[in-house]
C-alpha cells in the first residue's frame, strides 16, 4: 500500500480523499498509515483541505493556474516525496500527459493508465470503440469534421437537429445545438476556436440530437486483475446549461432489464481497454423510443459519486486507492434504496446564476437519518472567486424515491449558509424539488433551460433574505 498520497485538487474533492484515507488508516489493514499531502494556492493557505491534510505544500498564486502546470506539479510532488497521486475531478483528472509524467517520476497515478485515458477520453475514439464492443451509439459523423464543407455534408446525411461537439470537450463547454445549415455555419468555427482554447484541440464532430433525452450514467470500478464492475446507474437529467444540478440513483425511469443492459455495456467498454480505477460511462436515453445512445466516458471520479456510494454501501474512493495499489475487487456490492443529491452553490439564482463568493459567516449543515453532506469549507472560510462555486453536496438516502426526496427537502430547509456579500442556490433547489416534473421523474435534460424553473424571484434579494433569516433564527 502507498505511504504518501498527494492530492492534485482542492476544496471538497480534496476533503473526499482525506476522509477516505482516514477510514483506511482506521481499519489498520496495512503496516504503515497513509499520509495525505495537500497542494494549495496562496489564496487557500488556511482552507479546510490544507488544514486537514497531514502535510501541505504551496503552489503559488491561483492566477497562474498551478493545478494545470505540469512542471510545477512534478517539482512539488518530488519535493513532497509522494509515492501516489489522486486527482479527483477537474484540473488534470483526465489529462493523459499528466499521467505519463507522474509515472515517469516513479509515482503511481490513482486512476486509469494514460493509454486507457486516451482511448476513452477522446469522444471520437470512444465512440468508435463503443461500436466495436456492441454499445449503442446515435447516428454521428464517425470521425472529426475538419472543414465547414465536411460538416455541412455530414449534417445533411445525418439530419437536423444535431449536436456539434469538441472531441476533447467537457464540463458543458465545446458543445452546441444546431438546427439548420445556417446555424451550423455560424457555430462551426466558434466551437472549434473555443475547444482549441479550452482543451488544446479544435477537433469537432457531429452527432444526432436525441430530443427529450434523459442523461443516464453508469459508475464503473475495475482492478488490474481483469475484473470490472458496474455498480450503479444514475439519472442526471436535471441540468442547467449542460451543468448537473440534481442527480439520483437508481434511475427512476429504467426497468431492471434496461439498467442491466447499460451496466453490461459499461463493463465491456472498461474491459476492452484494460481499465483500472473508477470511471463513468454516460448515455442518453429517449423514453418514447426506448433508445439508448452512448455519450462518452469520463475517465475519472464524478462529482456525483456519493449517490452511488450510499445506495451500494461502497466507498468508491477507497476502492480507487486499493485497486491502484494492485489489490483485487472481491465482493460485488448490492444496490438498495434510492438516493438524491443536490449541489448547493455560491451563486445568485435570481441574478442569472452569477457567482456569489465570499467569506462564510455562518454555516449550519443538516443532520438526520439518511443524510450525508460532502463539503470543503467551514465557517470563517473564504469561497474564492478563482474556482467553482461549490458550497456542499447534500445527499439524501431513502428506502424508496419519495422518502429520499422528502429527506432532501428537509435537509435543505435545515441548511443555513450565510456568505458575506454572497448567497447560495438553496431557495432555487427547494423550488425545484417541489416541481411536478421532478417529483414525477419526467424531467429531461432540456427541461430546466426551457422552463421557468431555471430562475425565479426578485433580483438582488437572495442575499438580504439569507441575512434576515439568520438574524431572526439565531
Protein backbone atom coordinates (compact mmCIF):
# COMPACT_ATOMS: atom_id res chain seq x y z
CA UNK A 1 0.00 0.00 0.00
CA UNK A 2 1.05 3.60 -0.58
CA UNK A 3 2.76 5.62 2.12
CA UNK A 4 2.26 9.20 0.86
CA UNK A 5 -0.66 10.26 -1.36
CA UNK A 6 -0.55 13.76 -2.84
CA UNK A 7 -3.83 15.42 -3.77
CA UNK A 8 -3.76 17.41 -7.01
CA UNK A 9 -7.04 19.11 -6.24
CA UNK A 10 -8.66 21.38 -3.70
CA UNK A 11 -11.83 22.04 -1.74
CA UNK A 12 -14.47 19.36 -1.42
CA UNK A 13 -12.66 16.96 -3.75
CA UNK A 14 -9.51 17.09 -1.61
CA UNK A 15 -11.55 16.54 1.54
CA UNK A 16 -13.16 13.48 -0.02
CA UNK A 17 -9.72 11.86 -0.42
CA UNK A 18 -8.68 12.87 3.09
CA UNK A 19 -11.76 11.20 4.59
CA UNK A 20 -11.22 8.02 2.56
CA UNK A 21 -7.60 7.75 3.71
CA UNK A 22 -8.61 8.32 7.32
CA UNK A 23 -11.04 5.41 7.02
CA UNK A 24 -8.34 3.17 5.51
CA UNK A 25 -5.93 4.10 8.29
CA UNK A 26 -8.58 3.39 10.93
CA UNK A 27 -9.05 -0.12 9.55
CA UNK A 28 -5.43 -0.94 10.48
CA UNK A 29 -5.04 -3.25 7.48
CA UNK A 30 -1.62 -2.02 6.43
CA UNK A 31 1.76 -1.93 8.07
CA UNK A 32 2.10 1.84 7.78
CA UNK A 33 -0.55 4.58 7.86
CA UNK A 34 -1.06 6.62 4.69
CA UNK A 35 -0.06 10.29 4.81
CA UNK A 36 -2.21 12.79 2.89
CA UNK A 37 -0.47 15.71 1.19
CA UNK A 38 -2.41 18.81 0.14
CA UNK A 39 -1.22 21.18 -2.58
CA UNK A 40 -2.63 24.68 -2.11
CA UNK A 41 -2.54 28.11 -3.73
CA UNK A 42 -1.73 31.35 -1.92
CA UNK A 43 -5.43 32.18 -1.65
CA UNK A 44 -6.19 28.93 0.19
CA UNK A 45 -3.31 28.68 2.63
CA UNK A 46 -5.79 28.31 5.50
CA UNK A 47 -8.54 26.46 3.59
CA UNK A 48 -10.11 23.39 5.18
CA UNK A 49 -8.34 20.88 2.93
CA UNK A 50 -4.94 22.47 3.61
CA UNK A 51 -5.63 22.39 7.35
CA UNK A 52 -6.96 18.85 7.43
CA UNK A 53 -4.31 17.12 5.31
CA UNK A 54 -1.35 15.64 7.18
CA UNK A 55 1.05 17.83 5.20
CA UNK A 56 0.59 20.78 2.83
CA UNK A 57 2.78 22.30 0.12
CA UNK A 58 2.34 25.68 -1.62
CA UNK A 59 1.79 26.05 -5.36
CA UNK A 60 1.86 29.85 -5.63
CA UNK A 61 -0.79 32.26 -6.94
CA UNK A 62 -4.12 30.86 -8.14
CA UNK A 63 -3.99 33.32 -11.04
CA UNK A 64 -1.12 31.32 -12.56
CA UNK A 65 -3.33 28.19 -12.75
CA UNK A 66 -0.88 25.97 -10.84
CA UNK A 67 -3.14 22.91 -10.78
CA UNK A 68 -2.63 22.72 -14.56
CA UNK A 69 1.13 23.40 -14.55
CA UNK A 70 2.77 20.03 -15.16
CA UNK A 71 6.30 21.19 -14.39
CA UNK A 72 5.32 22.87 -11.13
CA UNK A 73 3.25 19.87 -10.08
CA UNK A 74 6.10 17.47 -10.86
CA UNK A 75 8.55 19.53 -8.79
CA UNK A 76 6.12 19.75 -5.88
CA UNK A 77 5.32 16.02 -5.96
CA UNK A 78 9.01 15.22 -5.81
CA UNK A 79 9.58 17.71 -3.00
CA UNK A 80 6.69 16.12 -1.08
CA UNK A 81 8.13 12.62 -1.66
CA UNK A 82 4.75 11.37 -2.85
CA UNK A 83 4.50 7.77 -3.98
CA UNK A 84 0.94 8.15 -5.32
CA UNK A 85 -1.23 10.93 -6.74
CA UNK A 86 -5.01 11.30 -6.52
CA UNK A 87 -6.68 13.87 -8.76
CA UNK A 88 -10.44 13.63 -8.17
CA UNK A 89 -12.30 15.62 -10.84
CA UNK A 90 -11.38 18.70 -12.84
CA UNK A 91 -7.90 20.13 -13.41
CA UNK A 92 -5.63 17.26 -14.62
CA UNK A 93 -8.08 14.46 -13.79
CA UNK A 94 -8.43 13.44 -17.46
CA UNK A 95 -5.04 14.62 -18.70
CA UNK A 96 -3.21 11.60 -20.14
CA UNK A 97 0.02 13.59 -20.49
CA UNK A 98 -0.04 14.24 -16.75
CA UNK A 99 -0.49 10.52 -16.10
CA UNK A 100 2.56 9.81 -18.25
CA UNK A 101 4.55 12.46 -16.39
CA UNK A 102 3.63 11.09 -12.97
CA UNK A 103 4.56 7.56 -13.96
CA UNK A 104 7.88 8.75 -15.40
CA UNK A 105 8.69 10.07 -11.92
CA UNK A 106 8.07 6.65 -10.39
CA UNK A 107 4.83 7.82 -8.78
CA UNK A 108 1.59 5.84 -9.07
CA UNK A 109 -1.37 7.63 -10.64
CA UNK A 110 -4.54 6.56 -8.83
CA UNK A 111 -6.69 6.07 -11.89
CA UNK A 112 -6.56 4.60 -15.40
CA UNK A 113 -3.41 4.45 -17.48
CA UNK A 114 -2.62 7.21 -19.92
CA UNK A 115 -3.31 4.80 -22.76
CA UNK A 116 -6.78 3.87 -21.47
CA UNK A 117 -7.50 7.54 -20.82
CA UNK A 118 -6.62 8.46 -24.40
CA UNK A 119 -8.77 5.68 -25.84
CA UNK A 120 -11.83 6.51 -23.77
CA UNK A 121 -11.38 10.21 -23.02
CA UNK A 122 -11.37 11.19 -26.67
CA UNK A 123 -15.02 11.35 -27.66
CA UNK A 124 -14.42 10.26 -31.24
CA UNK A 125 -12.16 7.36 -30.28
CA UNK A 126 -14.51 6.20 -27.54
CA UNK A 127 -17.50 6.18 -29.91
CA UNK A 128 -15.60 4.05 -32.41
CA UNK A 129 -14.62 1.66 -29.62
CA UNK A 130 -18.19 1.58 -28.32
CA UNK A 131 -19.41 0.48 -31.73
CA UNK A 132 -16.78 -2.27 -31.80
CA UNK A 133 -17.95 -3.78 -28.50
CA UNK A 134 -21.66 -3.52 -29.23
CA UNK A 135 -22.56 -0.41 -27.24
CA UNK A 136 -25.47 1.54 -28.80
CA UNK A 137 -24.45 4.82 -30.45
CA UNK A 138 -26.59 7.55 -32.04
CA UNK A 139 -26.03 8.44 -35.70
CA UNK A 140 -22.89 10.56 -35.98
CA UNK A 141 -20.13 11.70 -38.32
CA UNK A 142 -17.90 8.69 -37.41
CA UNK A 143 -14.92 10.99 -37.08
CA UNK A 144 -13.99 14.65 -36.98
CA UNK A 145 -15.34 17.16 -39.47
CA UNK A 146 -12.24 19.11 -40.48
CA UNK A 147 -13.84 21.77 -42.65
CA UNK A 148 -17.16 23.58 -42.74
CA UNK A 149 -17.97 21.92 -46.07
CA UNK A 150 -17.39 18.49 -44.49
CA UNK A 151 -19.60 19.44 -41.57
CA UNK A 152 -22.44 20.62 -43.81
CA UNK A 153 -22.26 17.45 -45.90
CA UNK A 154 -22.33 15.19 -42.83
CA UNK A 155 -25.18 17.20 -41.34
CA UNK A 156 -27.28 16.66 -44.47
CA UNK A 157 -26.55 12.93 -44.22
CA UNK A 158 -27.41 12.58 -40.51
CA UNK A 159 -30.25 15.10 -40.46
CA UNK A 160 -31.04 18.03 -38.19
CA UNK A 161 -31.23 18.77 -35.28
CA UNK A 162 -27.63 17.94 -34.37
CA UNK A 163 -25.05 18.48 -31.67
CA UNK A 164 -21.71 19.99 -32.68
CA UNK A 165 -19.16 18.73 -30.16
CA UNK A 166 -15.49 19.09 -29.38
CA UNK A 167 -13.76 15.72 -29.29
CA UNK A 168 -11.80 16.79 -26.21
CA UNK A 169 -14.63 18.77 -24.62
CA UNK A 170 -16.18 18.51 -21.20
CA UNK A 171 -17.88 20.44 -18.43
CA UNK A 172 -20.55 21.77 -20.78
CA UNK A 173 -18.00 23.56 -22.99
CA UNK A 174 -17.32 22.90 -26.65
CA UNK A 175 -20.87 21.79 -27.39
CA UNK A 176 -23.64 23.49 -29.39
CA UNK A 177 -27.03 22.55 -30.75
CA UNK A 178 -27.58 23.29 -34.44
CA UNK A 179 -30.96 23.11 -36.14
CA UNK A 180 -30.05 24.19 -39.66
CA UNK A 181 -27.21 24.69 -42.08
CA UNK A 182 -27.19 28.39 -41.27
CA UNK A 183 -26.76 27.69 -37.56
CA UNK A 184 -24.02 25.16 -38.28
CA UNK A 185 -22.19 27.69 -40.46
CA UNK A 186 -22.39 30.24 -37.67
CA UNK A 187 -21.33 27.84 -34.88
CA UNK A 188 -18.66 25.75 -36.59
CA UNK A 189 -15.58 27.95 -36.28
CA UNK A 190 -16.61 29.40 -32.92
CA UNK A 191 -16.89 25.92 -31.46
CA UNK A 192 -13.52 24.91 -32.90
CA UNK A 193 -11.87 28.04 -31.50
CA UNK A 194 -13.47 27.56 -28.08
CA UNK A 195 -12.32 23.95 -27.97
CA UNK A 196 -8.79 24.91 -29.00
CA UNK A 197 -8.58 27.48 -26.21
CA UNK A 198 -10.14 25.29 -23.53
CA UNK A 199 -8.78 21.85 -24.37
CA UNK A 200 -5.85 22.35 -26.73
CA UNK A 201 -7.64 20.63 -29.60
CA UNK A 202 -10.07 22.11 -32.12
CA UNK A 203 -11.32 18.76 -33.47
CA UNK A 204 -15.13 18.66 -33.61
CA UNK A 205 -17.70 16.12 -34.73
CA UNK A 206 -21.44 15.92 -35.34
CA UNK A 207 -23.97 13.73 -33.59
CA UNK A 208 -27.71 13.30 -33.90
CA UNK A 209 -29.54 15.27 -31.22
CA UNK A 210 -31.56 12.87 -29.11
CA UNK A 211 -34.52 15.08 -28.20
CA UNK A 212 -36.41 14.66 -24.95
CA UNK A 213 -33.46 12.65 -23.66
CA UNK A 214 -32.56 11.55 -20.18
CA UNK A 215 -28.94 11.64 -19.02
CA UNK A 216 -28.09 8.17 -17.73
CA UNK A 217 -24.66 7.23 -16.42
CA UNK A 218 -23.06 4.08 -15.07
CA UNK A 219 -20.41 4.02 -12.33
CA UNK A 220 -17.60 1.57 -13.02
CA UNK A 221 -14.70 0.38 -10.89
CA UNK A 222 -12.10 -2.01 -12.29
CA UNK A 223 -8.97 -3.68 -10.96
CA UNK A 224 -5.73 -4.81 -12.61
CA UNK A 225 -6.80 -8.47 -12.50
CA UNK A 226 -9.43 -8.23 -15.24
CA UNK A 227 -12.49 -7.54 -13.08
CA UNK A 228 -14.77 -4.62 -13.93
CA UNK A 229 -17.93 -3.81 -12.00
CA UNK A 230 -20.79 -1.54 -12.99
CA UNK A 231 -22.13 -0.73 -9.54
CA UNK A 232 -24.87 1.79 -10.11
CA UNK A 233 -26.96 3.71 -12.62
CA UNK A 234 -27.52 7.42 -12.08
CA UNK A 235 -30.03 9.81 -13.65
CA UNK A 236 -28.54 13.29 -14.05
CA UNK A 237 -31.18 14.79 -16.32
CA UNK A 238 -31.87 17.90 -14.23
CA UNK A 239 -29.28 20.19 -15.78
CA UNK A 240 -28.85 23.88 -16.38
CA UNK A 241 -26.82 24.76 -19.48
CA UNK A 242 -25.27 21.28 -19.52
CA UNK A 243 -24.31 21.55 -15.82
CA UNK A 244 -25.84 18.99 -13.47
CA UNK A 245 -27.99 20.37 -10.66
CA UNK A 246 -29.73 17.36 -9.11
CA UNK A 247 -28.73 13.71 -9.52
CA UNK A 248 -30.28 10.47 -8.34
CA UNK A 249 -29.69 6.73 -8.20
CA UNK A 250 -31.08 4.36 -9.20
CA UNK A 251 -32.70 5.66 -12.37
CA UNK A 252 -36.41 6.23 -11.69
CA UNK A 253 -37.15 5.53 -15.35
CA UNK A 254 -35.29 2.37 -16.38
CA UNK A 255 -36.52 -1.14 -15.83
CA UNK A 256 -34.18 -3.63 -14.21
CA UNK A 257 -33.55 -5.21 -17.62
CA UNK A 258 -32.63 -1.83 -19.12
CA UNK A 259 -30.34 -0.99 -16.21
CA UNK A 260 -28.65 -4.37 -16.57
CA UNK A 261 -28.19 -3.68 -20.30
CA UNK A 262 -26.33 -0.40 -19.81
CA UNK A 263 -24.27 -1.86 -16.96
CA UNK A 264 -23.13 -4.72 -19.16
CA UNK A 265 -22.24 -2.26 -21.93
CA UNK A 266 -20.18 -0.18 -19.50
CA UNK A 267 -18.30 -3.25 -18.28
CA UNK A 268 -17.49 -4.28 -21.86
CA UNK A 269 -16.01 -0.85 -22.58
CA UNK A 270 -13.86 -0.92 -19.45
CA UNK A 271 -12.54 -4.40 -20.15
CA UNK A 272 -11.82 -3.57 -23.80
CA UNK A 273 -9.13 -1.08 -22.80
CA UNK A 274 -7.81 -2.77 -19.66
CA UNK A 275 -9.28 -0.05 -17.48
CA UNK A 276 -8.13 0.22 -13.86
CA UNK A 277 -9.82 2.58 -11.42
CA UNK A 278 -13.11 4.47 -11.26
CA UNK A 279 -14.89 5.91 -14.28
CA UNK A 280 -18.31 6.74 -15.62
CA UNK A 281 -19.97 5.68 -18.86
CA UNK A 282 -22.63 8.16 -19.95
CA UNK A 283 -25.68 7.51 -22.15
CA UNK A 284 -28.63 9.45 -23.45
CA UNK A 285 -31.96 7.63 -23.21
CA UNK A 286 -35.04 8.54 -25.24
CA UNK A 287 -38.05 7.13 -23.34
CA UNK A 288 -40.57 7.32 -26.20
CA UNK A 289 -38.33 5.26 -28.49
CA UNK A 290 -36.66 3.33 -25.64
CA UNK A 291 -33.41 4.30 -27.37
CA UNK A 292 -30.01 4.29 -25.67
CA UNK A 293 -27.17 6.29 -27.21
CA UNK A 294 -23.62 6.17 -25.87
CA UNK A 295 -22.44 9.67 -24.96
CA UNK A 296 -18.92 9.49 -23.52
CA UNK A 297 -16.67 8.01 -20.85
CA UNK A 298 -15.42 10.17 -18.01
CA UNK A 299 -12.09 8.58 -17.10
CA UNK A 300 -12.20 9.94 -13.56
CA UNK A 301 -14.31 10.10 -10.45
CA UNK A 302 -17.56 12.04 -10.93
CA UNK A 303 -18.74 14.81 -8.64
CA UNK A 304 -21.97 12.89 -8.02
CA UNK A 305 -20.36 9.59 -6.97
CA UNK A 306 -21.79 9.78 -3.40
CA UNK A 307 -25.28 8.73 -4.51
CA UNK A 308 -23.78 5.51 -5.85
CA UNK A 309 -21.83 5.04 -2.63
CA UNK A 310 -24.85 5.36 -0.36
CA UNK A 311 -27.06 3.07 -2.47
CA UNK A 312 -24.36 0.39 -2.54
CA UNK A 313 -22.73 0.89 0.89
CA UNK A 314 -19.46 1.01 -1.05
CA UNK A 315 -16.67 3.57 -0.82
CA UNK A 316 -15.58 4.29 -4.39
CA UNK A 317 -12.59 6.42 -3.34
CA UNK A 318 -11.20 3.73 -1.04
CA UNK A 319 -11.65 1.28 -3.92
CA UNK A 320 -9.72 3.63 -6.21
CA UNK A 321 -6.78 3.57 -3.82
CA UNK A 322 -6.88 -0.18 -3.33
CA UNK A 323 -7.03 -1.16 -6.99
CA UNK A 324 -4.27 1.33 -7.82
CA UNK A 325 -2.14 -0.46 -5.21
CA UNK A 326 -2.75 -3.75 -7.02
CA UNK A 327 -5.49 -5.19 -4.83
CA UNK A 328 -8.33 -7.19 -6.39
CA UNK A 329 -12.02 -6.37 -6.20
CA UNK A 330 -13.63 -9.04 -4.07
CA UNK A 331 -17.34 -8.94 -3.22
CA UNK A 332 -19.59 -7.02 -5.61
CA UNK A 333 -21.87 -4.67 -3.67
CA UNK A 334 -25.66 -4.88 -3.83
CA UNK A 335 -27.79 -1.83 -4.53
CA UNK A 336 -30.58 -0.92 -2.14
CA UNK A 337 -32.82 2.09 -1.64
CA UNK A 338 -32.73 5.38 -3.51
CA UNK A 339 -30.56 8.49 -3.20
CA UNK A 340 -30.86 12.06 -4.47
CA UNK A 341 -28.11 14.70 -4.44
CA UNK A 342 -28.41 18.48 -4.71
CA UNK A 343 -25.44 20.71 -5.50
CA UNK A 344 -25.52 23.77 -3.27
CA UNK A 345 -23.50 26.53 -4.94
CA UNK A 346 -22.47 30.07 -4.07
CA UNK A 347 -24.49 31.53 -6.93
CA UNK A 348 -27.33 34.01 -7.19
CA UNK A 349 -30.14 32.17 -8.95
CA UNK A 350 -32.18 35.39 -9.06
CA UNK A 351 -29.41 37.18 -10.93
CA UNK A 352 -28.62 34.81 -13.78
CA UNK A 353 -26.72 32.42 -11.50
CA UNK A 354 -23.89 34.89 -11.15
CA UNK A 355 -21.08 33.68 -8.93
CA UNK A 356 -21.55 34.93 -5.37
CA UNK A 357 -18.38 34.01 -3.47
CA UNK A 358 -17.16 35.49 -0.21
CA UNK A 359 -16.43 34.71 3.43
CA UNK A 360 -18.71 32.13 5.06
CA UNK A 361 -20.03 33.88 8.15
CA UNK A 362 -22.49 31.18 9.20
CA UNK A 363 -22.54 27.51 8.27
CA UNK A 364 -25.10 25.11 9.72
CA UNK A 365 -25.31 21.87 7.75
CA UNK A 366 -28.08 19.27 8.13
CA UNK A 367 -28.04 16.01 10.04
CA UNK A 368 -30.53 13.19 10.30
CA UNK A 369 -31.34 9.68 9.06
CA UNK A 370 -30.09 9.05 5.54
CA UNK A 371 -28.37 12.45 5.21
CA UNK A 372 -24.78 12.90 4.04
CA UNK A 373 -23.06 16.21 3.34
CA UNK A 374 -19.79 16.49 1.42
CA UNK A 375 -18.13 19.89 1.70
CA UNK A 376 -14.73 21.51 1.61
CA UNK A 377 -15.49 24.67 3.58
CA UNK A 378 -16.04 25.61 7.20
CA UNK A 379 -17.38 28.65 8.99
CA UNK A 380 -14.95 31.52 8.50
CA UNK A 381 -13.52 30.08 5.30
CA UNK A 382 -13.48 32.04 2.06
CA UNK A 383 -15.10 30.71 -1.10
CA UNK A 384 -12.59 32.06 -3.63
CA UNK A 385 -13.63 33.55 -6.98
CA UNK A 386 -10.87 31.62 -8.78
CA UNK A 387 -12.59 28.21 -8.75
CA UNK A 388 -16.02 26.62 -8.91
CA UNK A 389 -18.68 27.88 -6.55
CA UNK A 390 -19.49 24.60 -4.77
CA UNK A 391 -20.52 25.01 -1.14
CA UNK A 392 -21.68 21.46 -0.46
CA UNK A 393 -23.26 18.37 -1.93
CA UNK A 394 -26.30 17.38 0.10
CA UNK A 395 -27.20 13.72 -0.33
CA UNK A 396 -30.36 12.04 0.96
CA UNK A 397 -30.89 8.27 1.01
CA UNK A 398 -34.28 6.66 1.49
CA UNK A 399 -35.85 3.24 1.26
CA UNK A 400 -37.59 4.50 -1.87
CA UNK A 401 -37.58 7.62 -4.05
CA UNK A 402 -40.35 9.53 -2.23
CA UNK A 403 -38.57 9.07 1.10
CA UNK A 404 -35.24 10.20 -0.38
CA UNK A 405 -36.84 13.32 -1.89
CA UNK A 406 -38.62 14.13 1.37
CA UNK A 407 -35.39 13.81 3.33
CA UNK A 408 -33.56 16.03 0.84
CA UNK A 409 -36.21 18.74 1.16
CA UNK A 410 -35.92 18.62 4.94
CA UNK A 411 -32.13 18.66 4.78
CA UNK A 412 -32.08 21.72 2.53
CA UNK A 413 -34.56 23.57 4.74
CA UNK A 414 -32.30 22.84 7.72
CA UNK A 415 -29.24 24.16 5.88
CA UNK A 416 -28.10 27.68 6.74
CA UNK A 417 -25.23 29.28 4.86
CA UNK A 418 -24.58 33.00 5.14
CA UNK A 419 -21.89 34.35 2.83
CA UNK A 420 -20.68 37.91 3.26
CA UNK A 421 -21.69 39.79 0.09
CA UNK A 422 -22.81 36.49 -1.41
CA UNK A 423 -25.61 33.95 -1.45
CA UNK A 424 -26.42 30.33 -2.32
CA UNK A 425 -28.81 28.37 -4.51
CA UNK A 426 -30.74 26.92 -1.55
CA UNK A 427 -34.09 28.56 -2.42
CA UNK A 428 -33.70 27.61 -6.07
CA UNK A 429 -33.10 23.95 -5.16
CA UNK A 430 -36.11 23.87 -2.85
CA UNK A 431 -38.30 25.25 -5.64
CA UNK A 432 -37.02 22.58 -7.98
CA UNK A 433 -37.73 19.76 -5.55
CA UNK A 434 -41.41 20.76 -5.46
CA UNK A 435 -41.84 20.91 -9.23
CA UNK A 436 -44.15 18.27 -10.64
CA UNK A 437 -41.62 17.40 -13.38
CA UNK A 438 -39.05 16.44 -10.78
CA UNK A 439 -41.50 14.70 -8.45
CA UNK A 440 -42.86 12.61 -11.32
CA UNK A 441 -39.36 11.93 -12.69
CA UNK A 442 -40.40 13.26 -16.11
CA UNK A 443 -37.75 15.99 -16.46
CA UNK A 444 -35.43 15.58 -19.44
CA UNK A 445 -32.07 17.27 -20.00
CA UNK A 446 -33.63 20.36 -21.58
CA UNK A 447 -36.43 20.88 -19.08
CA UNK A 448 -34.68 23.35 -16.80
CA UNK A 449 -33.44 25.56 -19.63
CA UNK A 450 -36.78 25.83 -21.40
CA UNK A 451 -38.97 26.27 -18.31
CA UNK A 452 -39.41 28.96 -15.69
CA UNK A 453 -37.90 26.56 -13.15
CA UNK A 454 -34.44 27.76 -14.17
CA UNK A 455 -34.87 31.13 -12.45
CA UNK A 456 -37.36 32.91 -10.28
CA UNK A 457 -37.67 35.57 -7.66
CA UNK A 458 -36.70 39.20 -7.47
CA UNK A 459 -33.11 40.02 -8.45
CA UNK A 460 -30.78 41.01 -5.68
CA UNK A 461 -32.98 39.90 -2.79
CA UNK A 462 -31.49 36.46 -2.06
CA UNK A 463 -28.51 37.65 -0.01
CA UNK A 464 -30.62 40.07 2.00
CA UNK A 465 -33.21 37.38 2.76
CA UNK A 466 -30.49 34.98 3.90
CA UNK A 467 -29.06 37.55 6.30
CA UNK A 468 -32.51 38.42 7.65
CA UNK A 469 -33.42 34.78 8.23
CA UNK A 470 -30.12 34.17 10.00
CA UNK A 471 -30.65 37.19 12.24
CA UNK A 472 -34.16 36.08 13.19
CA UNK A 473 -33.34 32.43 13.84
CA UNK A 474 -30.10 32.88 15.80
